[in-house]
N, C-alpha and C. Protein backbone atom coordinates (compact mmCIF):
# COMPACT_ATOMS: atom_id res chain seq x y z
N UNK A 1 116.94 116.55 97.40
CA UNK A 1 118.17 115.77 97.44
C UNK A 1 119.32 116.68 97.01
N UNK A 2 120.41 116.54 97.65
CA UNK A 2 121.57 117.38 97.39
C UNK A 2 122.13 117.12 95.99
N UNK A 3 122.54 118.19 95.34
CA UNK A 3 123.12 118.08 94.00
C UNK A 3 124.62 117.85 94.06
N UNK A 4 125.16 117.61 95.26
CA UNK A 4 126.60 117.40 95.41
C UNK A 4 127.03 116.09 94.74
N UNK A 5 128.24 116.11 94.23
CA UNK A 5 128.78 114.91 93.58
C UNK A 5 129.06 113.83 94.60
N UNK A 6 128.84 112.59 94.20
CA UNK A 6 129.24 111.45 94.99
C UNK A 6 130.68 111.11 94.62
N UNK A 7 131.43 110.44 95.50
CA UNK A 7 132.81 110.10 95.17
C UNK A 7 132.90 109.31 93.86
N UNK A 8 133.72 109.78 92.94
CA UNK A 8 133.92 109.10 91.66
C UNK A 8 132.86 109.36 90.61
N UNK A 9 131.88 110.18 90.91
CA UNK A 9 130.78 110.44 89.97
C UNK A 9 131.22 111.42 88.88
N UNK A 10 130.85 111.10 87.63
CA UNK A 10 131.14 111.98 86.49
C UNK A 10 129.83 112.49 85.91
N UNK A 11 129.83 113.75 85.48
CA UNK A 11 128.62 114.38 84.93
C UNK A 11 128.85 114.81 83.50
N UNK A 12 127.79 114.72 82.69
CA UNK A 12 127.82 115.23 81.31
C UNK A 12 126.50 115.95 81.03
N UNK A 13 126.59 116.95 80.14
CA UNK A 13 125.37 117.67 79.77
C UNK A 13 124.42 116.76 79.01
N UNK A 14 123.12 117.02 79.14
CA UNK A 14 122.12 116.27 78.41
C UNK A 14 121.88 116.98 77.08
N UNK A 15 122.06 116.27 75.99
CA UNK A 15 121.88 116.85 74.65
C UNK A 15 120.48 117.46 74.53
N UNK A 16 120.45 118.68 74.04
CA UNK A 16 119.20 119.40 73.89
C UNK A 16 118.80 120.19 75.12
N UNK A 17 119.49 119.94 76.23
CA UNK A 17 119.21 120.63 77.48
C UNK A 17 120.50 121.17 78.10
N UNK A 18 121.44 121.56 77.25
CA UNK A 18 122.72 122.08 77.69
C UNK A 18 122.50 123.31 78.58
N UNK A 19 123.26 123.37 79.68
CA UNK A 19 123.14 124.48 80.61
C UNK A 19 121.95 124.37 81.55
N UNK A 20 121.11 123.36 81.36
CA UNK A 20 119.93 123.17 82.20
C UNK A 20 119.99 121.89 83.04
N UNK A 21 120.44 120.80 82.40
CA UNK A 21 120.44 119.50 83.07
C UNK A 21 121.72 118.73 82.74
N UNK A 22 122.12 117.89 83.69
CA UNK A 22 123.25 116.99 83.49
C UNK A 22 122.86 115.59 83.95
N UNK A 23 123.54 114.60 83.40
CA UNK A 23 123.34 113.20 83.76
C UNK A 23 124.66 112.65 84.26
N UNK A 24 124.60 111.79 85.29
CA UNK A 24 125.84 111.22 85.82
C UNK A 24 125.96 109.75 85.44
N UNK A 25 127.18 109.24 85.53
CA UNK A 25 127.41 107.83 85.25
C UNK A 25 126.85 106.95 86.37
N UNK A 26 126.36 107.55 87.45
CA UNK A 26 125.69 106.81 88.52
C UNK A 26 124.18 106.73 88.26
N UNK A 27 123.72 107.35 87.18
CA UNK A 27 122.31 107.31 86.83
C UNK A 27 121.48 108.40 87.47
N UNK A 28 122.15 109.47 87.93
CA UNK A 28 121.41 110.57 88.53
C UNK A 28 121.26 111.70 87.51
N UNK A 29 120.16 112.44 87.62
CA UNK A 29 119.89 113.58 86.75
C UNK A 29 119.88 114.82 87.64
N UNK A 30 120.65 115.84 87.20
CA UNK A 30 120.78 117.07 87.99
C UNK A 30 120.24 118.25 87.19
N UNK A 31 119.37 119.01 87.84
CA UNK A 31 118.92 120.28 87.31
C UNK A 31 119.91 121.32 87.79
N UNK A 32 120.49 122.07 86.89
CA UNK A 32 121.52 123.05 87.26
C UNK A 32 120.90 124.32 87.82
N UNK A 33 121.66 125.04 88.65
CA UNK A 33 121.19 126.30 89.22
C UNK A 33 120.97 127.30 88.08
N UNK A 34 119.87 128.03 88.19
CA UNK A 34 119.57 129.01 87.13
C UNK A 34 118.50 129.99 87.59
N UNK A 35 118.36 131.04 86.82
CA UNK A 35 117.31 132.03 87.03
C UNK A 35 116.19 131.72 86.04
N UNK A 36 114.96 131.72 86.53
CA UNK A 36 113.82 131.51 85.62
C UNK A 36 112.88 132.69 85.73
N UNK A 37 112.27 133.00 84.61
CA UNK A 37 111.34 134.12 84.57
C UNK A 37 109.96 133.65 85.02
N UNK A 38 109.33 134.44 85.86
CA UNK A 38 107.97 134.17 86.31
C UNK A 38 107.10 135.25 85.70
N UNK A 39 106.04 134.83 85.03
CA UNK A 39 105.17 135.82 84.40
C UNK A 39 103.76 135.72 84.98
N UNK A 40 103.11 136.84 84.95
CA UNK A 40 101.72 136.92 85.38
C UNK A 40 100.96 137.63 84.27
N UNK A 41 99.83 137.08 83.92
CA UNK A 41 99.01 137.65 82.85
C UNK A 41 99.79 137.77 81.55
N UNK A 42 100.70 136.81 81.32
CA UNK A 42 101.45 136.79 80.08
C UNK A 42 102.61 137.76 80.01
N UNK A 43 102.87 138.49 81.09
CA UNK A 43 103.96 139.45 81.08
C UNK A 43 104.95 139.11 82.18
N UNK A 44 106.21 139.45 81.91
CA UNK A 44 107.28 139.19 82.89
C UNK A 44 106.96 139.89 84.20
N UNK A 45 107.10 139.13 85.29
CA UNK A 45 106.84 139.69 86.60
C UNK A 45 108.14 139.81 87.41
N UNK A 46 108.87 138.68 87.52
CA UNK A 46 110.13 138.71 88.26
C UNK A 46 110.95 137.47 87.91
N UNK A 47 112.22 137.49 88.32
CA UNK A 47 113.11 136.35 88.10
C UNK A 47 113.21 135.56 89.40
N UNK A 48 113.13 134.25 89.27
CA UNK A 48 113.23 133.38 90.44
C UNK A 48 114.51 132.57 90.33
N UNK A 49 115.23 132.48 91.44
CA UNK A 49 116.47 131.71 91.48
C UNK A 49 116.15 130.27 91.85
N UNK A 50 116.63 129.33 91.04
CA UNK A 50 116.44 127.91 91.31
C UNK A 50 117.80 127.29 91.60
N UNK A 51 117.97 126.69 92.77
CA UNK A 51 119.25 126.04 93.08
C UNK A 51 119.38 124.72 92.33
N UNK A 52 120.59 124.26 92.19
CA UNK A 52 120.83 122.95 91.58
C UNK A 52 120.20 121.88 92.47
N UNK A 53 119.64 120.84 91.84
CA UNK A 53 119.06 119.75 92.62
C UNK A 53 119.04 118.47 91.79
N UNK A 54 118.99 117.35 92.48
CA UNK A 54 118.89 116.04 91.84
C UNK A 54 117.41 115.74 91.62
N UNK A 55 117.07 115.36 90.41
CA UNK A 55 115.67 115.03 90.11
C UNK A 55 115.35 113.63 90.63
N UNK A 56 114.13 113.46 91.09
CA UNK A 56 113.68 112.15 91.56
C UNK A 56 112.91 111.49 90.43
N UNK A 57 113.42 110.37 89.91
CA UNK A 57 112.70 109.70 88.82
C UNK A 57 111.44 109.01 89.30
N UNK A 58 110.50 108.87 88.39
CA UNK A 58 109.29 108.10 88.66
C UNK A 58 109.32 106.86 87.78
N UNK A 59 108.62 105.84 88.19
CA UNK A 59 108.54 104.62 87.40
C UNK A 59 107.28 104.69 86.54
N UNK A 60 107.46 104.73 85.23
CA UNK A 60 106.34 104.82 84.31
C UNK A 60 106.59 103.86 83.14
N UNK A 61 105.63 103.02 82.86
CA UNK A 61 105.75 102.05 81.78
C UNK A 61 107.00 101.19 81.93
N UNK A 62 107.33 100.83 83.15
CA UNK A 62 108.46 99.95 83.41
C UNK A 62 109.82 100.60 83.28
N UNK A 63 109.88 101.92 83.30
CA UNK A 63 111.16 102.62 83.16
C UNK A 63 111.22 103.81 84.09
N UNK A 64 112.42 104.11 84.59
CA UNK A 64 112.62 105.32 85.40
C UNK A 64 112.62 106.51 84.45
N UNK A 65 111.77 107.49 84.75
CA UNK A 65 111.63 108.66 83.88
C UNK A 65 111.73 109.94 84.71
N UNK A 66 112.19 110.99 84.05
CA UNK A 66 112.23 112.32 84.65
C UNK A 66 111.59 113.30 83.68
N UNK A 67 111.15 114.43 84.23
CA UNK A 67 110.60 115.51 83.42
C UNK A 67 111.66 116.58 83.27
N UNK A 68 111.96 116.94 82.04
CA UNK A 68 112.92 117.99 81.74
C UNK A 68 112.16 119.15 81.11
N UNK A 69 112.53 120.38 81.47
CA UNK A 69 111.83 121.56 80.97
C UNK A 69 112.80 122.48 80.24
N UNK A 70 112.32 123.02 79.13
CA UNK A 70 113.12 123.99 78.36
C UNK A 70 112.14 124.92 77.63
N UNK A 71 112.32 126.20 77.80
CA UNK A 71 111.49 127.20 77.13
C UNK A 71 110.00 126.97 77.35
N UNK A 72 109.64 126.60 78.57
CA UNK A 72 108.23 126.41 78.91
C UNK A 72 107.63 125.10 78.44
N UNK A 73 108.43 124.28 77.81
CA UNK A 73 107.95 122.98 77.32
C UNK A 73 108.51 121.86 78.19
N UNK A 74 107.67 120.86 78.46
CA UNK A 74 108.08 119.72 79.27
C UNK A 74 108.35 118.52 78.38
N UNK A 75 109.42 117.80 78.68
CA UNK A 75 109.76 116.56 77.98
C UNK A 75 109.97 115.47 79.01
N UNK A 76 109.40 114.29 78.78
CA UNK A 76 109.64 113.13 79.63
C UNK A 76 110.81 112.38 79.03
N UNK A 77 111.74 111.97 79.87
CA UNK A 77 112.93 111.28 79.37
C UNK A 77 113.21 110.03 80.20
N UNK A 78 113.60 108.98 79.53
CA UNK A 78 113.99 107.72 80.17
C UNK A 78 115.40 107.90 80.72
N UNK A 79 115.60 107.65 82.02
CA UNK A 79 116.89 107.88 82.66
C UNK A 79 117.96 106.99 82.05
N UNK A 80 117.66 105.71 81.82
CA UNK A 80 118.66 104.80 81.25
C UNK A 80 119.11 105.29 79.87
N UNK A 81 118.19 105.81 79.09
CA UNK A 81 118.53 106.33 77.77
C UNK A 81 119.42 107.56 77.88
N UNK A 82 119.12 108.43 78.82
CA UNK A 82 119.96 109.63 79.02
C UNK A 82 121.38 109.23 79.40
N UNK A 83 121.53 108.26 80.31
CA UNK A 83 122.85 107.81 80.74
C UNK A 83 123.60 107.19 79.56
N UNK A 84 122.92 106.28 78.85
CA UNK A 84 123.57 105.60 77.72
C UNK A 84 123.96 106.58 76.63
N UNK A 85 123.07 107.50 76.29
CA UNK A 85 123.39 108.47 75.24
C UNK A 85 124.59 109.34 75.62
N UNK A 86 124.68 109.71 76.89
CA UNK A 86 125.78 110.58 77.33
C UNK A 86 127.10 109.83 77.46
N UNK A 87 127.07 108.57 77.88
CA UNK A 87 128.32 107.87 78.20
C UNK A 87 128.66 106.72 77.24
N UNK A 88 127.68 106.16 76.54
CA UNK A 88 127.96 105.05 75.63
C UNK A 88 127.94 105.48 74.17
N UNK A 89 127.48 106.68 73.90
CA UNK A 89 127.46 107.19 72.53
C UNK A 89 126.18 106.83 71.79
N UNK A 90 126.19 107.13 70.51
CA UNK A 90 125.00 106.91 69.67
C UNK A 90 124.70 105.44 69.52
N UNK A 91 123.40 105.13 69.54
CA UNK A 91 122.97 103.75 69.34
C UNK A 91 122.63 103.54 67.87
N UNK A 92 122.92 102.36 67.38
CA UNK A 92 122.54 102.01 66.01
C UNK A 92 121.03 101.78 65.96
N UNK A 93 120.42 101.94 64.79
CA UNK A 93 118.98 101.67 64.68
C UNK A 93 118.65 100.25 65.14
N UNK A 94 117.55 100.10 65.85
CA UNK A 94 117.13 98.80 66.33
C UNK A 94 117.75 98.38 67.65
N UNK A 95 118.68 99.17 68.15
CA UNK A 95 119.33 98.85 69.42
C UNK A 95 118.65 99.62 70.55
N UNK A 96 118.59 99.01 71.72
CA UNK A 96 117.95 99.61 72.88
C UNK A 96 118.90 99.53 74.08
N UNK A 97 118.55 100.26 75.12
CA UNK A 97 119.33 100.23 76.35
C UNK A 97 118.73 99.14 77.25
N UNK A 98 119.58 98.25 77.75
CA UNK A 98 119.12 97.14 78.59
C UNK A 98 119.79 97.23 79.96
N UNK A 99 119.03 96.94 81.00
CA UNK A 99 119.57 96.86 82.36
C UNK A 99 120.08 95.44 82.57
N UNK A 100 121.35 95.31 82.91
CA UNK A 100 121.93 93.97 83.11
C UNK A 100 121.20 93.19 84.20
N UNK A 101 120.80 93.89 85.29
CA UNK A 101 120.15 93.21 86.40
C UNK A 101 118.62 93.22 86.30
N UNK A 102 118.07 93.85 85.26
CA UNK A 102 116.63 93.88 85.07
C UNK A 102 115.90 94.90 85.93
N UNK A 103 116.61 95.65 86.75
CA UNK A 103 115.98 96.63 87.63
C UNK A 103 115.93 97.99 86.93
N UNK A 104 114.73 98.46 86.54
CA UNK A 104 114.64 99.71 85.80
C UNK A 104 115.01 100.95 86.60
N UNK A 105 115.15 100.82 87.92
CA UNK A 105 115.55 101.96 88.74
C UNK A 105 117.06 101.98 88.99
N UNK A 106 117.78 100.96 88.52
CA UNK A 106 119.24 100.89 88.68
C UNK A 106 119.87 101.34 87.36
N UNK A 107 120.11 102.64 87.23
CA UNK A 107 120.53 103.23 85.97
C UNK A 107 121.98 103.66 85.92
N UNK A 108 122.80 103.09 86.78
CA UNK A 108 124.23 103.36 86.74
C UNK A 108 124.83 102.82 85.45
N UNK A 109 125.86 103.48 84.96
CA UNK A 109 126.49 103.10 83.69
C UNK A 109 126.92 101.64 83.68
N UNK A 110 127.44 101.13 84.79
CA UNK A 110 127.89 99.75 84.84
C UNK A 110 126.77 98.72 84.72
N UNK A 111 125.51 99.16 84.88
CA UNK A 111 124.38 98.25 84.77
C UNK A 111 123.70 98.34 83.41
N UNK A 112 124.19 99.20 82.54
CA UNK A 112 123.53 99.41 81.24
C UNK A 112 124.38 98.85 80.11
N UNK A 113 123.70 98.32 79.12
CA UNK A 113 124.36 97.80 77.93
C UNK A 113 123.44 98.09 76.73
N UNK A 114 124.05 98.31 75.58
CA UNK A 114 123.28 98.49 74.35
C UNK A 114 123.08 97.11 73.75
N UNK A 115 121.83 96.76 73.43
CA UNK A 115 121.52 95.43 72.91
C UNK A 115 120.37 95.53 71.91
N UNK A 116 120.14 94.44 71.19
CA UNK A 116 118.96 94.41 70.32
C UNK A 116 117.79 93.86 71.13
N UNK A 117 116.58 94.04 70.63
CA UNK A 117 115.38 93.64 71.36
C UNK A 117 115.36 92.16 71.70
N UNK A 118 115.88 91.32 70.83
CA UNK A 118 115.85 89.88 71.10
C UNK A 118 116.71 89.55 72.32
N UNK A 119 117.83 90.24 72.51
CA UNK A 119 118.68 90.02 73.69
C UNK A 119 117.95 90.45 74.96
N UNK A 120 117.18 91.53 74.86
CA UNK A 120 116.41 92.00 76.01
C UNK A 120 115.37 90.96 76.40
N UNK A 121 114.65 90.43 75.41
CA UNK A 121 113.62 89.43 75.68
C UNK A 121 114.23 88.15 76.22
N UNK A 122 115.38 87.74 75.69
CA UNK A 122 116.07 86.55 76.20
C UNK A 122 116.45 86.75 77.66
N UNK A 123 116.99 87.93 77.99
CA UNK A 123 117.39 88.22 79.37
C UNK A 123 116.17 88.21 80.29
N UNK A 124 115.05 88.75 79.84
CA UNK A 124 113.83 88.74 80.65
C UNK A 124 113.39 87.31 80.92
N UNK A 125 113.47 86.46 79.90
CA UNK A 125 113.10 85.06 80.07
C UNK A 125 114.01 84.36 81.07
N UNK A 126 115.31 84.63 81.00
CA UNK A 126 116.27 84.01 81.92
C UNK A 126 116.06 84.47 83.35
N UNK A 127 115.65 85.74 83.52
CA UNK A 127 115.40 86.27 84.87
C UNK A 127 114.00 85.95 85.37
N UNK A 128 113.12 85.51 84.46
CA UNK A 128 111.74 85.25 84.85
C UNK A 128 110.92 86.52 85.00
N UNK A 129 111.35 87.60 84.32
CA UNK A 129 110.64 88.87 84.43
C UNK A 129 109.87 89.23 83.17
N UNK A 130 109.86 88.33 82.19
CA UNK A 130 109.14 88.60 80.96
C UNK A 130 107.64 88.51 81.17
N UNK A 131 106.91 88.93 80.18
CA UNK A 131 105.45 88.94 80.27
C UNK A 131 104.86 87.64 79.74
N UNK A 132 105.33 86.53 80.30
CA UNK A 132 104.79 85.24 79.90
C UNK A 132 103.72 84.83 80.91
N UNK A 133 102.86 83.93 80.43
CA UNK A 133 101.84 83.38 81.32
C UNK A 133 100.91 84.45 81.86
N UNK A 134 100.59 84.34 83.13
CA UNK A 134 99.64 85.27 83.74
C UNK A 134 100.20 86.67 83.89
N UNK A 135 101.52 86.87 83.76
CA UNK A 135 102.09 88.23 83.80
C UNK A 135 101.79 88.98 82.51
N UNK A 136 101.34 88.29 81.49
CA UNK A 136 100.98 88.92 80.23
C UNK A 136 99.54 89.40 80.33
N UNK A 137 99.33 90.68 80.19
CA UNK A 137 97.97 91.24 80.32
C UNK A 137 97.04 90.76 79.21
N UNK A 138 97.59 90.18 78.16
CA UNK A 138 96.76 89.68 77.06
C UNK A 138 96.46 88.19 77.17
N UNK A 139 96.91 87.54 78.24
CA UNK A 139 96.71 86.10 78.39
C UNK A 139 95.23 85.76 78.40
N UNK A 140 94.85 84.74 77.64
CA UNK A 140 93.46 84.30 77.56
C UNK A 140 93.21 83.04 78.38
N UNK A 141 94.28 82.34 78.73
CA UNK A 141 94.15 81.12 79.52
C UNK A 141 95.13 81.16 80.67
N UNK A 142 95.00 80.23 81.59
CA UNK A 142 95.91 80.12 82.72
C UNK A 142 96.65 78.79 82.69
N UNK A 143 97.48 78.54 83.69
CA UNK A 143 98.26 77.30 83.74
C UNK A 143 97.40 76.04 83.75
N UNK A 144 96.27 76.08 84.44
CA UNK A 144 95.39 74.90 84.49
C UNK A 144 94.82 74.59 83.11
N UNK A 145 94.45 75.64 82.37
CA UNK A 145 93.94 75.44 81.01
C UNK A 145 95.03 74.85 80.12
N UNK A 146 96.25 75.35 80.25
CA UNK A 146 97.35 74.83 79.44
C UNK A 146 97.60 73.36 79.74
N UNK A 147 97.52 72.98 81.02
CA UNK A 147 97.70 71.57 81.39
C UNK A 147 96.61 70.71 80.77
N UNK A 148 95.37 71.20 80.75
CA UNK A 148 94.28 70.46 80.12
C UNK A 148 94.51 70.32 78.62
N UNK A 149 94.96 71.39 77.99
CA UNK A 149 95.22 71.35 76.54
C UNK A 149 96.29 70.30 76.24
N UNK A 150 97.33 70.25 77.07
CA UNK A 150 98.36 69.22 76.89
C UNK A 150 97.78 67.81 77.09
N UNK A 151 96.90 67.67 78.06
CA UNK A 151 96.32 66.36 78.37
C UNK A 151 95.45 65.85 77.23
N UNK A 152 94.83 66.77 76.46
CA UNK A 152 93.95 66.38 75.35
C UNK A 152 94.71 66.13 74.05
N UNK A 153 96.03 66.27 74.06
CA UNK A 153 96.82 66.05 72.84
C UNK A 153 96.54 64.65 72.30
N UNK A 154 96.18 64.58 71.03
CA UNK A 154 95.90 63.30 70.38
C UNK A 154 94.50 62.78 70.63
N UNK A 155 93.77 63.34 71.58
CA UNK A 155 92.41 62.90 71.88
C UNK A 155 91.37 63.81 71.27
N UNK A 156 91.74 65.04 71.04
CA UNK A 156 90.81 66.04 70.51
C UNK A 156 91.59 66.90 69.52
N UNK A 157 90.92 67.37 68.48
CA UNK A 157 91.63 68.16 67.47
C UNK A 157 92.08 69.49 68.06
N UNK A 158 93.15 69.99 67.51
CA UNK A 158 93.63 71.30 67.95
C UNK A 158 92.61 72.39 67.66
N UNK A 159 91.88 72.25 66.56
CA UNK A 159 90.86 73.25 66.21
C UNK A 159 89.74 73.29 67.25
N UNK A 160 89.29 72.13 67.73
CA UNK A 160 88.22 72.12 68.73
C UNK A 160 88.72 72.67 70.07
N UNK A 161 89.98 72.36 70.42
CA UNK A 161 90.56 72.91 71.65
C UNK A 161 90.69 74.43 71.54
N UNK A 162 91.11 74.91 70.37
CA UNK A 162 91.25 76.35 70.15
C UNK A 162 89.90 77.04 70.33
N UNK A 163 88.84 76.44 69.76
CA UNK A 163 87.50 77.02 69.91
C UNK A 163 87.05 77.02 71.36
N UNK A 164 87.29 75.93 72.06
CA UNK A 164 86.84 75.80 73.45
C UNK A 164 87.52 76.83 74.36
N UNK A 165 88.80 77.05 74.16
CA UNK A 165 89.56 77.94 75.05
C UNK A 165 89.69 79.37 74.52
N UNK A 166 89.18 79.62 73.31
CA UNK A 166 89.23 80.98 72.76
C UNK A 166 90.62 81.43 72.35
N UNK A 167 91.44 80.48 71.90
CA UNK A 167 92.80 80.80 71.45
C UNK A 167 92.99 80.26 70.04
N UNK A 168 94.11 80.56 69.42
CA UNK A 168 94.36 80.11 68.05
C UNK A 168 94.84 78.66 68.02
N UNK A 169 94.69 78.04 66.87
CA UNK A 169 95.19 76.68 66.67
C UNK A 169 96.70 76.67 66.84
N UNK A 170 97.37 77.72 66.36
CA UNK A 170 98.83 77.82 66.52
C UNK A 170 99.23 77.83 68.00
N UNK A 171 98.44 78.54 68.82
CA UNK A 171 98.75 78.59 70.25
C UNK A 171 98.54 77.21 70.89
N UNK A 172 97.50 76.51 70.50
CA UNK A 172 97.28 75.14 71.01
C UNK A 172 98.47 74.27 70.64
N UNK A 173 98.94 74.38 69.41
CA UNK A 173 100.08 73.59 68.96
C UNK A 173 101.33 73.91 69.78
N UNK A 174 101.58 75.21 70.05
CA UNK A 174 102.75 75.60 70.84
C UNK A 174 102.66 75.07 72.27
N UNK A 175 101.46 75.07 72.84
CA UNK A 175 101.28 74.55 74.19
C UNK A 175 101.56 73.04 74.22
N UNK A 176 101.01 72.32 73.26
CA UNK A 176 101.18 70.86 73.23
C UNK A 176 102.62 70.45 72.93
N UNK A 177 103.36 71.29 72.22
CA UNK A 177 104.78 70.98 71.94
C UNK A 177 105.72 71.50 73.02
N UNK A 178 105.15 72.15 74.08
CA UNK A 178 105.96 72.64 75.17
C UNK A 178 106.69 73.93 74.88
N UNK A 179 106.24 74.67 73.87
CA UNK A 179 106.91 75.92 73.50
C UNK A 179 106.31 77.12 74.23
N UNK A 180 105.11 76.98 74.76
CA UNK A 180 104.54 78.04 75.58
C UNK A 180 103.75 77.40 76.72
N UNK A 181 103.55 78.15 77.77
CA UNK A 181 102.90 77.66 78.98
C UNK A 181 103.59 76.40 79.48
N UNK A 182 104.93 76.43 79.50
CA UNK A 182 105.70 75.26 79.93
C UNK A 182 105.55 74.96 81.40
N UNK A 183 105.28 75.98 82.20
CA UNK A 183 105.21 75.74 83.64
C UNK A 183 103.82 75.31 84.10
N UNK A 184 102.84 75.36 83.17
CA UNK A 184 101.46 75.08 83.57
C UNK A 184 101.10 73.65 83.56
């Protein structure tokens, strides 16, 4: 991909990788043109010219990530974090970078906001992208089980329902009060 600027795009150096990489307010990461040493058998062999190029992020653990290299060491970096750190400044402890639209591949500055974790979880719930119900890899029951648990409210103890379904008494209580598994 061409390292040319897009109309209106601004670039800033990536902290710790000055002279090697830049991040744009459009959410692109650019490897700058440079000479790199190529060694064979642990000794310098020749210098290789690397042109500037735009890095292609990969989706890992629900986030767009790129690999940055410095002094033979590789670092994985979250693209949204690189954009926010360069253009929004330092984050306070406990604050994270949130995508306004919930799309982890949309890392333009206008789509990013600094928020606390509870705001992120609230936004996920509003968008329906949170790990509730069957989207949660730790789920022990499904919607049909939750409906049965609600149907047994007042007819069977919460402790016996918890034992039958392999969940906690607290979870049975939350299901019966409509605080979890609301759609089931």
